[in-house]
Amino acid sequence: MSELSTAQRNKLKDDQFAYVDKQGQRHLPIHDEDHVRNAIQRFGRTDFESATARQRAARAILSAAREYNVDVAKDDDVSRAAH
């Protein structure tokens, strides 16, 4: 996976991240297949402000996974958090 430079990260829109916290910090980029896979792996190590924010992020990741044809196991942290 290619790492995003600061300039590349700044060009992404908020909806290209699974989670934007109350301070505007953007977490878990999901703008391409590699980053979706990375977001799935890092989801369990990400701190969320609330259970609702965690659930929304999980749903965003799953939506991006469908878009990029990335399989997510039903017992994965992201799958469980989305429900």
N, C-alpha and C. Protein backbone atom coordinates (compact mmCIF):
# COMPACT_ATOMS: atom_id res chain seq x y z
N MET A 1 0.84 -1.18 0.00
CA MET A 1 0.00 0.00 0.00
C MET A 1 0.88 1.24 0.00
N SER A 2 0.50 2.18 -0.81
CA SER A 2 1.24 3.43 -0.84
C SER A 2 0.80 4.32 0.32
N GLU A 3 1.76 4.94 0.93
CA GLU A 3 1.47 5.84 2.04
C GLU A 3 1.10 7.21 1.49
N LEU A 4 0.12 7.83 2.12
CA LEU A 4 -0.32 9.15 1.68
C LEU A 4 0.62 10.23 2.20
N SER A 5 1.00 11.12 1.33
CA SER A 5 1.75 12.29 1.79
C SER A 5 0.75 13.25 2.41
N THR A 6 1.23 14.24 3.11
CA THR A 6 0.35 15.23 3.71
C THR A 6 -0.46 15.93 2.63
N ALA A 7 0.17 16.27 1.53
CA ALA A 7 -0.53 16.95 0.43
C ALA A 7 -1.63 16.07 -0.15
N GLN A 8 -1.33 14.78 -0.34
CA GLN A 8 -2.33 13.85 -0.87
C GLN A 8 -3.50 13.70 0.10
N ARG A 9 -3.16 13.56 1.37
CA ARG A 9 -4.20 13.41 2.40
C ARG A 9 -5.09 14.65 2.45
N ASN A 10 -4.49 15.82 2.34
CA ASN A 10 -5.25 17.07 2.41
C ASN A 10 -6.18 17.26 1.21
N LYS A 11 -5.86 16.62 0.09
CA LYS A 11 -6.70 16.73 -1.10
C LYS A 11 -7.96 15.86 -1.00
N LEU A 12 -7.94 14.87 -0.11
CA LEU A 12 -9.10 13.99 0.03
C LEU A 12 -10.25 14.72 0.72
N LYS A 13 -11.47 14.36 0.34
CA LYS A 13 -12.66 14.93 0.96
C LYS A 13 -12.96 14.18 2.25
N ASP A 14 -13.69 14.81 3.14
CA ASP A 14 -14.05 14.17 4.40
C ASP A 14 -14.75 12.83 4.21
N ASP A 15 -15.58 12.73 3.16
CA ASP A 15 -16.31 11.48 2.96
C ASP A 15 -15.42 10.35 2.41
N GLN A 16 -14.16 10.64 2.19
CA GLN A 16 -13.21 9.61 1.78
C GLN A 16 -12.46 9.04 2.99
N PHE A 17 -12.96 9.37 4.17
CA PHE A 17 -12.45 8.83 5.42
C PHE A 17 -13.61 8.16 6.14
N ALA A 18 -13.32 7.08 6.83
CA ALA A 18 -14.38 6.38 7.56
C ALA A 18 -14.84 7.17 8.76
N TYR A 19 -13.95 7.99 9.33
CA TYR A 19 -14.26 8.66 10.59
C TYR A 19 -13.62 10.03 10.63
N VAL A 20 -14.43 11.04 10.93
CA VAL A 20 -13.94 12.40 11.18
C VAL A 20 -14.41 12.76 12.59
N ASP A 21 -13.45 13.01 13.49
CA ASP A 21 -13.83 13.29 14.87
C ASP A 21 -14.31 14.72 15.06
N LYS A 22 -14.72 15.06 16.27
CA LYS A 22 -15.30 16.38 16.53
C LYS A 22 -14.31 17.52 16.31
N GLN A 23 -13.01 17.22 16.39
CA GLN A 23 -12.00 18.25 16.16
C GLN A 23 -11.66 18.37 14.68
N GLY A 24 -12.30 17.55 13.85
CA GLY A 24 -12.04 17.60 12.42
C GLY A 24 -10.90 16.71 11.96
N GLN A 25 -10.33 15.95 12.89
CA GLN A 25 -9.26 15.02 12.52
C GLN A 25 -9.87 13.86 11.74
N ARG A 26 -9.25 13.53 10.62
CA ARG A 26 -9.78 12.49 9.74
C ARG A 26 -8.98 11.20 9.92
N HIS A 27 -9.73 10.11 10.06
CA HIS A 27 -9.13 8.81 10.36
C HIS A 27 -9.61 7.77 9.35
N LEU A 28 -8.76 6.81 9.06
CA LEU A 28 -9.09 5.66 8.23
C LEU A 28 -9.53 6.05 6.82
N PRO A 29 -8.58 6.48 5.99
CA PRO A 29 -8.93 6.79 4.60
C PRO A 29 -9.47 5.55 3.89
N ILE A 30 -10.49 5.75 3.07
CA ILE A 30 -11.14 4.64 2.37
C ILE A 30 -11.37 4.99 0.90
N HIS A 31 -10.44 5.71 0.30
CA HIS A 31 -10.61 6.21 -1.06
C HIS A 31 -10.14 5.25 -2.16
N ASP A 32 -9.50 4.16 -1.79
CA ASP A 32 -9.10 3.16 -2.77
C ASP A 32 -9.03 1.79 -2.09
N GLU A 33 -8.85 0.76 -2.90
CA GLU A 33 -8.88 -0.61 -2.38
C GLU A 33 -7.84 -0.85 -1.29
N ASP A 34 -6.61 -0.42 -1.52
CA ASP A 34 -5.56 -0.65 -0.53
C ASP A 34 -5.88 0.01 0.81
N HIS A 35 -6.41 1.23 0.75
CA HIS A 35 -6.71 1.92 1.99
C HIS A 35 -7.94 1.34 2.68
N VAL A 36 -8.88 0.81 1.92
CA VAL A 36 -10.03 0.12 2.53
C VAL A 36 -9.52 -1.10 3.29
N ARG A 37 -8.65 -1.87 2.67
CA ARG A 37 -8.09 -3.05 3.35
C ARG A 37 -7.36 -2.63 4.63
N ASN A 38 -6.61 -1.55 4.56
CA ASN A 38 -5.89 -1.05 5.72
C ASN A 38 -6.86 -0.57 6.81
N ALA A 39 -7.94 0.10 6.41
CA ALA A 39 -8.94 0.57 7.38
C ALA A 39 -9.58 -0.61 8.11
N ILE A 40 -9.84 -1.69 7.37
CA ILE A 40 -10.41 -2.89 8.00
C ILE A 40 -9.45 -3.42 9.05
N GLN A 41 -8.18 -3.47 8.73
CA GLN A 41 -7.17 -3.99 9.66
C GLN A 41 -6.98 -3.07 10.86
N ARG A 42 -7.06 -1.77 10.66
CA ARG A 42 -6.78 -0.81 11.74
C ARG A 42 -8.01 -0.44 12.55
N PHE A 43 -9.19 -0.85 12.11
CA PHE A 43 -10.43 -0.46 12.76
C PHE A 43 -10.42 -0.75 14.25
N GLY A 44 -10.02 -1.92 14.65
CA GLY A 44 -10.03 -2.32 16.05
C GLY A 44 -9.04 -1.56 16.92
N ARG A 45 -8.09 -0.90 16.30
CA ARG A 45 -7.08 -0.13 17.05
C ARG A 45 -7.36 1.37 17.03
N THR A 46 -8.50 1.75 16.47
CA THR A 46 -8.86 3.16 16.36
C THR A 46 -9.77 3.55 17.51
N ASP A 47 -9.50 4.68 18.12
CA ASP A 47 -10.34 5.20 19.21
C ASP A 47 -11.44 6.07 18.61
N PHE A 48 -12.67 5.80 19.02
CA PHE A 48 -13.82 6.57 18.55
C PHE A 48 -14.43 7.33 19.71
N GLU A 49 -15.06 8.45 19.43
CA GLU A 49 -15.66 9.29 20.46
C GLU A 49 -16.91 8.68 21.07
N SER A 50 -17.57 7.82 20.31
CA SER A 50 -18.81 7.21 20.80
C SER A 50 -19.08 5.92 20.05
N ALA A 51 -20.01 5.15 20.58
CA ALA A 51 -20.42 3.92 19.91
C ALA A 51 -21.08 4.24 18.56
N THR A 52 -21.79 5.34 18.52
CA THR A 52 -22.44 5.76 17.27
C THR A 52 -21.40 6.09 16.21
N ALA A 53 -20.35 6.80 16.59
CA ALA A 53 -19.28 7.15 15.65
C ALA A 53 -18.59 5.88 15.16
N ARG A 54 -18.39 4.93 16.05
CA ARG A 54 -17.76 3.66 15.68
C ARG A 54 -18.63 2.90 14.67
N GLN A 55 -19.93 2.87 14.92
CA GLN A 55 -20.86 2.18 14.03
C GLN A 55 -20.90 2.86 12.65
N ARG A 56 -20.94 4.19 12.63
CA ARG A 56 -20.94 4.92 11.36
C ARG A 56 -19.67 4.65 10.56
N ALA A 57 -18.53 4.63 11.25
CA ALA A 57 -17.26 4.35 10.58
C ALA A 57 -17.26 2.94 10.00
N ALA A 58 -17.76 1.99 10.77
CA ALA A 58 -17.83 0.60 10.29
C ALA A 58 -18.69 0.51 9.05
N ARG A 59 -19.81 1.18 9.06
CA ARG A 59 -20.70 1.16 7.89
C ARG A 59 -20.04 1.81 6.68
N ALA A 60 -19.30 2.88 6.90
CA ALA A 60 -18.59 3.55 5.79
C ALA A 60 -17.53 2.62 5.20
N ILE A 61 -16.83 1.91 6.07
CA ILE A 61 -15.80 0.97 5.59
C ILE A 61 -16.44 -0.16 4.80
N LEU A 62 -17.54 -0.71 5.32
CA LEU A 62 -18.21 -1.80 4.60
C LEU A 62 -18.75 -1.33 3.25
N SER A 63 -19.26 -0.12 3.20
CA SER A 63 -19.74 0.43 1.93
C SER A 63 -18.60 0.55 0.93
N ALA A 64 -17.46 1.06 1.38
CA ALA A 64 -16.29 1.19 0.51
C ALA A 64 -15.77 -0.19 0.11
N ALA A 65 -15.84 -1.14 1.02
CA ALA A 65 -15.39 -2.50 0.71
C ALA A 65 -16.24 -3.09 -0.42
N ARG A 66 -17.55 -2.87 -0.37
CA ARG A 66 -18.42 -3.34 -1.45
C ARG A 66 -18.05 -2.66 -2.77
N GLU A 67 -17.80 -1.36 -2.69
CA GLU A 67 -17.45 -0.60 -3.90
C GLU A 67 -16.19 -1.13 -4.56
N TYR A 68 -15.21 -1.52 -3.76
CA TYR A 68 -13.92 -1.99 -4.28
C TYR A 68 -13.80 -3.51 -4.29
N ASN A 69 -14.94 -4.21 -4.07
CA ASN A 69 -14.97 -5.68 -4.09
C ASN A 69 -13.98 -6.31 -3.11
N VAL A 70 -13.94 -5.75 -1.91
CA VAL A 70 -13.10 -6.28 -0.84
C VAL A 70 -13.99 -7.11 0.08
N ASP A 71 -13.65 -8.36 0.26
CA ASP A 71 -14.42 -9.24 1.14
C ASP A 71 -14.10 -8.94 2.59
N VAL A 72 -15.15 -8.89 3.42
CA VAL A 72 -14.99 -8.68 4.85
C VAL A 72 -15.72 -9.82 5.56
N ALA A 73 -15.01 -10.52 6.42
CA ALA A 73 -15.61 -11.65 7.14
C ALA A 73 -16.70 -11.16 8.09
N LYS A 74 -17.73 -11.96 8.25
CA LYS A 74 -18.84 -11.58 9.13
C LYS A 74 -18.41 -11.47 10.59
N ASP A 75 -17.33 -12.15 10.97
CA ASP A 75 -16.87 -12.08 12.35
C ASP A 75 -15.76 -11.05 12.55
N ASP A 76 -15.47 -10.27 11.52
CA ASP A 76 -14.46 -9.21 11.61
C ASP A 76 -15.00 -8.08 12.50
N ASP A 77 -14.11 -7.36 13.16
CA ASP A 77 -14.50 -6.23 14.02
C ASP A 77 -15.40 -5.24 13.29
N VAL A 78 -15.07 -4.94 12.04
CA VAL A 78 -15.85 -3.97 11.27
C VAL A 78 -17.26 -4.48 11.03
N SER A 79 -17.40 -5.73 10.67
CA SER A 79 -18.72 -6.30 10.41
C SER A 79 -19.58 -6.30 11.67
N ARG A 80 -18.99 -6.70 12.77
CA ARG A 80 -19.73 -6.74 14.04
C ARG A 80 -20.13 -5.34 14.49
N ALA A 81 -19.26 -4.37 14.29
CA ALA A 81 -19.54 -3.00 14.75
C ALA A 81 -20.61 -2.31 13.91
N ALA A 82 -20.81 -2.76 12.70
CA ALA A 82 -21.77 -2.10 11.80
C ALA A 82 -23.22 -2.39 12.18
N HIS A 83 -23.44 -3.39 13.03
CA HIS A 83 -24.82 -3.79 13.37
C HIS A 83 -25.22 -3.35 14.75
